[in-house]
Amino acid sequence: MISLVNLNGFEEFSKYTENIDPNGPQVLFYFSGSKLPDGRSWCPDCVEAEPVVKAYLDELKNDVIFAYVDVGDRNYWKDKACPFRTDTRTKLMVIPTIIKWKGVQRLEGSQCTKRELLQMLFEEDD
């Protein structure tokens, strides 16, 4: 079963990571640009990836925590000092990015729109 979590900004992301149960379900973070009043992200690549990711999550049967992380508005994200870019846990270069927590696997940019790559990322670790 998928557990969805919404995190708004770097501070919420950091607090959430402090309480992740190492023996609990796998945690994946989906970093995306904040939503505009129309409900769509300011980031065109995020807009393209979101329906593909949501459709995949709807089919997923794994016990997973999927955390949507709002990285902020365009100006905040584009700042080279943005903590999502500089933090050693995230090291984001593009959005959208999906990271498997405490692993090296990640999907970046247009990779997030490819169902077969999502499938590989969400596979259980042996």
N, C-alpha and C. Protein backbone atom coordinates (compact mmCIF):
# COMPACT_ATOMS: atom_id res chain seq x y z
N MET A 1 0.84 -1.18 0.00
CA MET A 1 0.00 0.00 0.00
C MET A 1 0.88 1.25 0.00
N ILE A 2 0.48 2.21 -0.78
CA ILE A 2 1.21 3.47 -0.88
C ILE A 2 0.72 4.42 0.21
N SER A 3 1.66 5.00 0.93
CA SER A 3 1.33 6.08 1.87
C SER A 3 1.87 7.36 1.26
N LEU A 4 0.99 8.33 1.04
CA LEU A 4 1.40 9.59 0.43
C LEU A 4 1.65 10.63 1.51
N VAL A 5 2.72 11.38 1.35
CA VAL A 5 3.09 12.45 2.27
C VAL A 5 3.37 13.69 1.43
N ASN A 6 2.87 14.84 1.88
CA ASN A 6 3.16 16.10 1.21
C ASN A 6 4.05 16.95 2.10
N LEU A 7 5.18 17.37 1.56
CA LEU A 7 6.13 18.19 2.30
C LEU A 7 6.33 19.50 1.55
N ASN A 8 6.27 20.60 2.29
CA ASN A 8 6.35 21.91 1.67
C ASN A 8 7.64 22.60 2.09
N GLY A 9 8.63 22.59 1.22
CA GLY A 9 9.87 23.29 1.48
C GLY A 9 10.93 22.44 2.15
N PHE A 10 12.12 23.04 2.23
CA PHE A 10 13.28 22.32 2.73
C PHE A 10 13.18 21.98 4.21
N GLU A 11 12.64 22.88 5.01
CA GLU A 11 12.55 22.63 6.45
C GLU A 11 11.66 21.42 6.75
N GLU A 12 10.50 21.33 6.08
CA GLU A 12 9.62 20.17 6.29
C GLU A 12 10.30 18.89 5.82
N PHE A 13 11.00 18.97 4.68
CA PHE A 13 11.73 17.81 4.18
C PHE A 13 12.75 17.34 5.22
N SER A 14 13.55 18.27 5.74
CA SER A 14 14.59 17.92 6.71
C SER A 14 14.00 17.29 7.96
N LYS A 15 12.93 17.89 8.48
CA LYS A 15 12.30 17.34 9.69
C LYS A 15 11.77 15.93 9.43
N TYR A 16 11.18 15.73 8.27
CA TYR A 16 10.63 14.41 7.94
C TYR A 16 11.74 13.36 7.90
N THR A 17 12.88 13.70 7.30
CA THR A 17 13.95 12.72 7.16
C THR A 17 14.52 12.29 8.51
N GLU A 18 14.42 13.15 9.52
CA GLU A 18 14.94 12.81 10.85
C GLU A 18 14.16 11.67 11.50
N ASN A 19 12.92 11.46 11.07
CA ASN A 19 12.06 10.47 11.71
C ASN A 19 11.75 9.25 10.84
N ILE A 20 12.51 9.06 9.78
CA ILE A 20 12.27 7.89 8.93
C ILE A 20 12.72 6.63 9.67
N ASP A 21 11.84 5.65 9.75
CA ASP A 21 12.13 4.38 10.41
C ASP A 21 12.99 3.53 9.47
N PRO A 22 14.24 3.22 9.86
CA PRO A 22 15.10 2.42 8.99
C PRO A 22 14.55 1.02 8.75
N ASN A 23 13.66 0.56 9.62
CA ASN A 23 13.06 -0.77 9.45
C ASN A 23 11.66 -0.70 8.85
N GLY A 24 11.24 0.51 8.52
CA GLY A 24 9.90 0.71 7.96
C GLY A 24 9.90 0.53 6.45
N PRO A 25 8.79 0.93 5.84
CA PRO A 25 8.69 0.79 4.39
C PRO A 25 9.68 1.70 3.66
N GLN A 26 9.97 1.32 2.44
CA GLN A 26 10.83 2.11 1.57
C GLN A 26 10.25 3.52 1.41
N VAL A 27 11.12 4.54 1.40
CA VAL A 27 10.68 5.92 1.23
C VAL A 27 11.27 6.47 -0.06
N LEU A 28 10.40 7.05 -0.88
CA LEU A 28 10.84 7.73 -2.09
C LEU A 28 10.38 9.17 -2.02
N PHE A 29 11.26 10.09 -2.43
CA PHE A 29 10.95 11.51 -2.44
C PHE A 29 10.83 11.99 -3.88
N TYR A 30 9.74 12.70 -4.15
CA TYR A 30 9.50 13.28 -5.47
C TYR A 30 9.59 14.79 -5.33
N PHE A 31 10.64 15.39 -5.89
CA PHE A 31 10.88 16.82 -5.79
C PHE A 31 10.31 17.51 -7.02
N SER A 32 9.47 18.51 -6.79
CA SER A 32 8.77 19.19 -7.88
C SER A 32 8.61 20.67 -7.54
N GLY A 33 8.44 21.47 -8.57
CA GLY A 33 8.20 22.90 -8.38
C GLY A 33 6.83 23.15 -7.77
N SER A 34 6.71 24.22 -7.01
CA SER A 34 5.44 24.54 -6.36
C SER A 34 4.33 24.75 -7.38
N LYS A 35 3.11 24.59 -6.90
CA LYS A 35 1.94 24.68 -7.77
C LYS A 35 1.48 26.14 -7.91
N LEU A 36 1.03 26.46 -9.09
CA LEU A 36 0.43 27.76 -9.38
C LEU A 36 -1.04 27.70 -8.99
N PRO A 37 -1.75 28.82 -9.02
CA PRO A 37 -3.18 28.80 -8.66
C PRO A 37 -4.02 27.81 -9.48
N ASP A 38 -3.59 27.49 -10.71
CA ASP A 38 -4.36 26.55 -11.53
C ASP A 38 -4.09 25.09 -11.16
N GLY A 39 -3.23 24.86 -10.14
CA GLY A 39 -2.97 23.51 -9.69
C GLY A 39 -1.81 22.82 -10.40
N ARG A 40 -1.22 23.50 -11.37
CA ARG A 40 -0.09 22.93 -12.10
C ARG A 40 1.20 23.59 -11.63
N SER A 41 2.29 22.84 -11.68
CA SER A 41 3.58 23.38 -11.28
C SER A 41 4.05 24.44 -12.27
N TRP A 42 4.86 25.36 -11.80
CA TRP A 42 5.49 26.35 -12.69
C TRP A 42 6.53 25.67 -13.58
N CYS A 43 6.95 24.46 -13.22
CA CYS A 43 8.00 23.72 -13.93
C CYS A 43 7.37 22.84 -15.02
N PRO A 44 7.61 23.15 -16.30
CA PRO A 44 6.99 22.35 -17.38
C PRO A 44 7.35 20.87 -17.34
N ASP A 45 8.58 20.54 -16.97
CA ASP A 45 8.97 19.12 -16.89
C ASP A 45 8.21 18.40 -15.78
N CYS A 46 7.93 19.13 -14.67
CA CYS A 46 7.16 18.55 -13.57
C CYS A 46 5.72 18.29 -14.00
N VAL A 47 5.17 19.23 -14.77
CA VAL A 47 3.80 19.08 -15.29
C VAL A 47 3.72 17.84 -16.17
N GLU A 48 4.74 17.62 -16.97
CA GLU A 48 4.76 16.46 -17.86
C GLU A 48 4.91 15.15 -17.09
N ALA A 49 5.72 15.15 -16.04
CA ALA A 49 6.00 13.91 -15.30
C ALA A 49 4.88 13.53 -14.34
N GLU A 50 4.20 14.51 -13.76
CA GLU A 50 3.24 14.22 -12.69
C GLU A 50 2.16 13.19 -13.06
N PRO A 51 1.49 13.31 -14.21
CA PRO A 51 0.46 12.31 -14.50
C PRO A 51 1.02 10.90 -14.70
N VAL A 52 2.23 10.79 -15.24
CA VAL A 52 2.86 9.48 -15.43
C VAL A 52 3.16 8.85 -14.08
N VAL A 53 3.74 9.65 -13.17
CA VAL A 53 4.08 9.16 -11.84
C VAL A 53 2.81 8.78 -11.08
N LYS A 54 1.78 9.64 -11.13
CA LYS A 54 0.53 9.35 -10.42
C LYS A 54 -0.12 8.07 -10.94
N ALA A 55 -0.13 7.88 -12.25
CA ALA A 55 -0.72 6.68 -12.83
C ALA A 55 0.04 5.44 -12.36
N TYR A 56 1.36 5.53 -12.31
CA TYR A 56 2.15 4.39 -11.85
C TYR A 56 1.86 4.10 -10.38
N LEU A 57 1.78 5.14 -9.55
CA LEU A 57 1.50 4.94 -8.13
C LEU A 57 0.13 4.28 -7.91
N ASP A 58 -0.84 4.62 -8.75
CA ASP A 58 -2.18 4.04 -8.62
C ASP A 58 -2.17 2.53 -8.82
N GLU A 59 -1.20 2.03 -9.57
CA GLU A 59 -1.11 0.60 -9.86
C GLU A 59 -0.21 -0.16 -8.88
N LEU A 60 0.62 0.57 -8.16
CA LEU A 60 1.65 -0.03 -7.32
C LEU A 60 1.03 -0.76 -6.12
N LYS A 61 1.52 -1.94 -5.84
CA LYS A 61 1.03 -2.73 -4.72
C LYS A 61 2.03 -2.80 -3.57
N ASN A 62 3.25 -2.29 -3.79
CA ASN A 62 4.30 -2.34 -2.76
C ASN A 62 3.92 -1.50 -1.55
N ASP A 63 4.52 -1.84 -0.42
CA ASP A 63 4.38 -1.04 0.79
C ASP A 63 5.46 0.05 0.71
N VAL A 64 5.06 1.25 0.33
CA VAL A 64 5.99 2.33 0.04
C VAL A 64 5.45 3.64 0.61
N ILE A 65 6.37 4.48 1.07
CA ILE A 65 6.00 5.85 1.42
C ILE A 65 6.49 6.74 0.28
N PHE A 66 5.57 7.47 -0.32
CA PHE A 66 5.90 8.36 -1.43
C PHE A 66 5.68 9.79 -0.96
N ALA A 67 6.76 10.53 -0.84
CA ALA A 67 6.70 11.90 -0.32
C ALA A 67 6.88 12.90 -1.45
N TYR A 68 5.84 13.71 -1.67
CA TYR A 68 5.90 14.80 -2.65
C TYR A 68 6.53 15.99 -1.94
N VAL A 69 7.63 16.50 -2.48
CA VAL A 69 8.33 17.63 -1.86
C VAL A 69 8.26 18.84 -2.79
N ASP A 70 7.62 19.89 -2.31
CA ASP A 70 7.52 21.16 -3.03
C ASP A 70 8.82 21.91 -2.79
N VAL A 71 9.61 22.13 -3.87
CA VAL A 71 10.91 22.80 -3.73
C VAL A 71 10.80 24.32 -3.76
N GLY A 72 9.59 24.84 -3.95
CA GLY A 72 9.41 26.28 -3.94
C GLY A 72 9.16 26.86 -5.32
N ASP A 73 9.12 28.19 -5.36
CA ASP A 73 8.85 28.85 -6.64
C ASP A 73 10.10 28.87 -7.51
N ARG A 74 9.93 29.35 -8.73
CA ARG A 74 11.01 29.32 -9.72
C ARG A 74 12.26 30.06 -9.24
N ASN A 75 12.10 31.26 -8.71
CA ASN A 75 13.26 32.05 -8.27
C ASN A 75 14.02 31.36 -7.14
N TYR A 76 13.29 30.78 -6.20
CA TYR A 76 13.93 30.07 -5.09
C TYR A 76 14.72 28.87 -5.62
N TRP A 77 14.09 28.10 -6.49
CA TRP A 77 14.74 26.90 -7.05
C TRP A 77 15.96 27.27 -7.88
N LYS A 78 15.88 28.33 -8.67
CA LYS A 78 16.97 28.71 -9.57
C LYS A 78 18.19 29.28 -8.84
N ASP A 79 18.02 29.70 -7.60
CA ASP A 79 19.12 30.23 -6.80
C ASP A 79 20.15 29.12 -6.57
N LYS A 80 21.40 29.37 -6.92
CA LYS A 80 22.46 28.36 -6.77
C LYS A 80 22.65 27.93 -5.31
N ALA A 81 22.23 28.80 -4.37
CA ALA A 81 22.34 28.48 -2.95
C ALA A 81 21.11 27.77 -2.41
N CYS A 82 20.16 27.43 -3.27
CA CYS A 82 18.95 26.72 -2.84
C CYS A 82 19.38 25.46 -2.08
N PRO A 83 18.86 25.27 -0.86
CA PRO A 83 19.31 24.11 -0.06
C PRO A 83 19.03 22.76 -0.72
N PHE A 84 18.03 22.68 -1.57
CA PHE A 84 17.79 21.41 -2.25
C PHE A 84 18.94 21.09 -3.21
N ARG A 85 19.59 22.12 -3.71
CA ARG A 85 20.74 21.94 -4.61
C ARG A 85 22.02 21.62 -3.82
N THR A 86 22.16 22.24 -2.65
CA THR A 86 23.43 22.16 -1.92
C THR A 86 23.47 21.07 -0.86
N ASP A 87 22.34 20.62 -0.37
CA ASP A 87 22.32 19.61 0.69
C ASP A 87 22.89 18.29 0.18
N THR A 88 23.75 17.67 0.99
CA THR A 88 24.40 16.43 0.56
C THR A 88 23.43 15.27 0.41
N ARG A 89 22.26 15.35 1.06
CA ARG A 89 21.28 14.27 0.95
C ARG A 89 20.51 14.32 -0.35
N THR A 90 20.40 15.50 -0.94
CA THR A 90 19.58 15.64 -2.15
C THR A 90 20.41 15.93 -3.40
N LYS A 91 21.29 16.91 -3.33
CA LYS A 91 22.14 17.31 -4.47
C LYS A 91 21.34 17.41 -5.77
N LEU A 92 20.20 18.09 -5.72
CA LEU A 92 19.36 18.19 -6.90
C LEU A 92 19.99 19.10 -7.95
N MET A 93 19.90 18.65 -9.20
CA MET A 93 20.37 19.46 -10.31
C MET A 93 19.20 19.87 -11.18
N VAL A 94 18.18 19.04 -11.22
CA VAL A 94 16.98 19.31 -12.02
C VAL A 94 15.76 18.86 -11.23
N ILE A 95 14.62 19.41 -11.63
CA ILE A 95 13.34 18.89 -11.16
C ILE A 95 12.52 18.57 -12.39
N PRO A 96 11.68 17.59 -12.33
CA PRO A 96 11.44 16.71 -11.20
C PRO A 96 12.60 15.73 -10.98
N THR A 97 12.74 15.30 -9.75
CA THR A 97 13.68 14.24 -9.38
C THR A 97 12.99 13.34 -8.37
N ILE A 98 13.16 12.04 -8.54
CA ILE A 98 12.67 11.06 -7.56
C ILE A 98 13.90 10.37 -6.98
N ILE A 99 14.00 10.37 -5.66
CA ILE A 99 15.13 9.76 -4.97
C ILE A 99 14.63 8.64 -4.07
N LYS A 100 15.31 7.49 -4.14
CA LYS A 100 15.05 6.41 -3.19
C LYS A 100 15.92 6.71 -1.97
N TRP A 101 15.28 6.93 -0.82
CA TRP A 101 15.99 7.35 0.39
C TRP A 101 17.01 6.31 0.82
N LYS A 102 18.17 6.79 1.19
CA LYS A 102 19.29 5.97 1.65
C LYS A 102 19.76 4.99 0.58
N GLY A 103 19.59 5.39 -0.67
CA GLY A 103 20.08 4.59 -1.78
C GLY A 103 20.72 5.52 -2.79
N VAL A 104 21.25 4.96 -3.83
CA VAL A 104 21.86 5.80 -4.87
C VAL A 104 20.92 5.99 -6.06
N GLN A 105 19.83 5.22 -6.08
CA GLN A 105 18.95 5.28 -7.23
C GLN A 105 18.17 6.60 -7.24
N ARG A 106 18.08 7.17 -8.46
CA ARG A 106 17.28 8.37 -8.64
C ARG A 106 16.89 8.47 -10.10
N LEU A 107 15.78 9.15 -10.32
CA LEU A 107 15.36 9.50 -11.68
C LEU A 107 15.34 11.02 -11.74
N GLU A 108 15.82 11.58 -12.84
CA GLU A 108 15.89 13.02 -12.98
C GLU A 108 15.25 13.46 -14.29
N GLY A 109 14.56 14.61 -14.22
CA GLY A 109 14.00 15.23 -15.42
C GLY A 109 13.09 14.30 -16.19
N SER A 110 13.37 14.16 -17.48
CA SER A 110 12.50 13.37 -18.37
C SER A 110 12.49 11.89 -18.02
N GLN A 111 13.46 11.41 -17.24
CA GLN A 111 13.45 10.01 -16.81
C GLN A 111 12.19 9.71 -16.00
N CYS A 112 11.66 10.73 -15.32
CA CYS A 112 10.46 10.55 -14.49
C CYS A 112 9.21 10.29 -15.32
N THR A 113 9.29 10.48 -16.62
CA THR A 113 8.12 10.24 -17.50
C THR A 113 8.16 8.85 -18.12
N LYS A 114 9.15 8.06 -17.79
CA LYS A 114 9.32 6.74 -18.41
C LYS A 114 8.89 5.65 -17.43
N ARG A 115 7.80 5.00 -17.78
CA ARG A 115 7.20 3.99 -16.92
C ARG A 115 8.18 2.87 -16.55
N GLU A 116 8.97 2.41 -17.52
CA GLU A 116 9.89 1.31 -17.25
C GLU A 116 10.98 1.72 -16.24
N LEU A 117 11.38 2.98 -16.25
CA LEU A 117 12.36 3.45 -15.27
C LEU A 117 11.72 3.57 -13.88
N LEU A 118 10.47 4.03 -13.84
CA LEU A 118 9.74 4.08 -12.57
C LEU A 118 9.64 2.68 -11.97
N GLN A 119 9.34 1.72 -12.82
CA GLN A 119 9.20 0.34 -12.37
C GLN A 119 10.50 -0.17 -11.75
N MET A 120 11.63 0.13 -12.39
CA MET A 120 12.92 -0.31 -11.85
C MET A 120 13.22 0.38 -10.51
N LEU A 121 12.89 1.67 -10.42
CA LEU A 121 13.17 2.42 -9.19
C LEU A 121 12.36 1.90 -8.01
N PHE A 122 11.11 1.52 -8.28
CA PHE A 122 10.22 1.10 -7.20
C PHE A 122 10.35 -0.37 -6.82
N GLU A 123 11.19 -1.11 -7.54
CA GLU A 123 11.36 -2.52 -7.20
C GLU A 123 11.91 -2.65 -5.80
N GLU A 124 11.49 -3.69 -5.12
CA GLU A 124 11.97 -3.96 -3.76
C GLU A 124 13.46 -4.25 -3.78
N ASP A 125 14.16 -3.75 -2.77
CA ASP A 125 15.57 -4.10 -2.62
C ASP A 125 15.67 -5.49 -2.02
N ASP A 126 16.58 -6.27 -2.54
CA ASP A 126 16.75 -7.63 -2.00
C ASP A 126 17.78 -7.66 -0.91
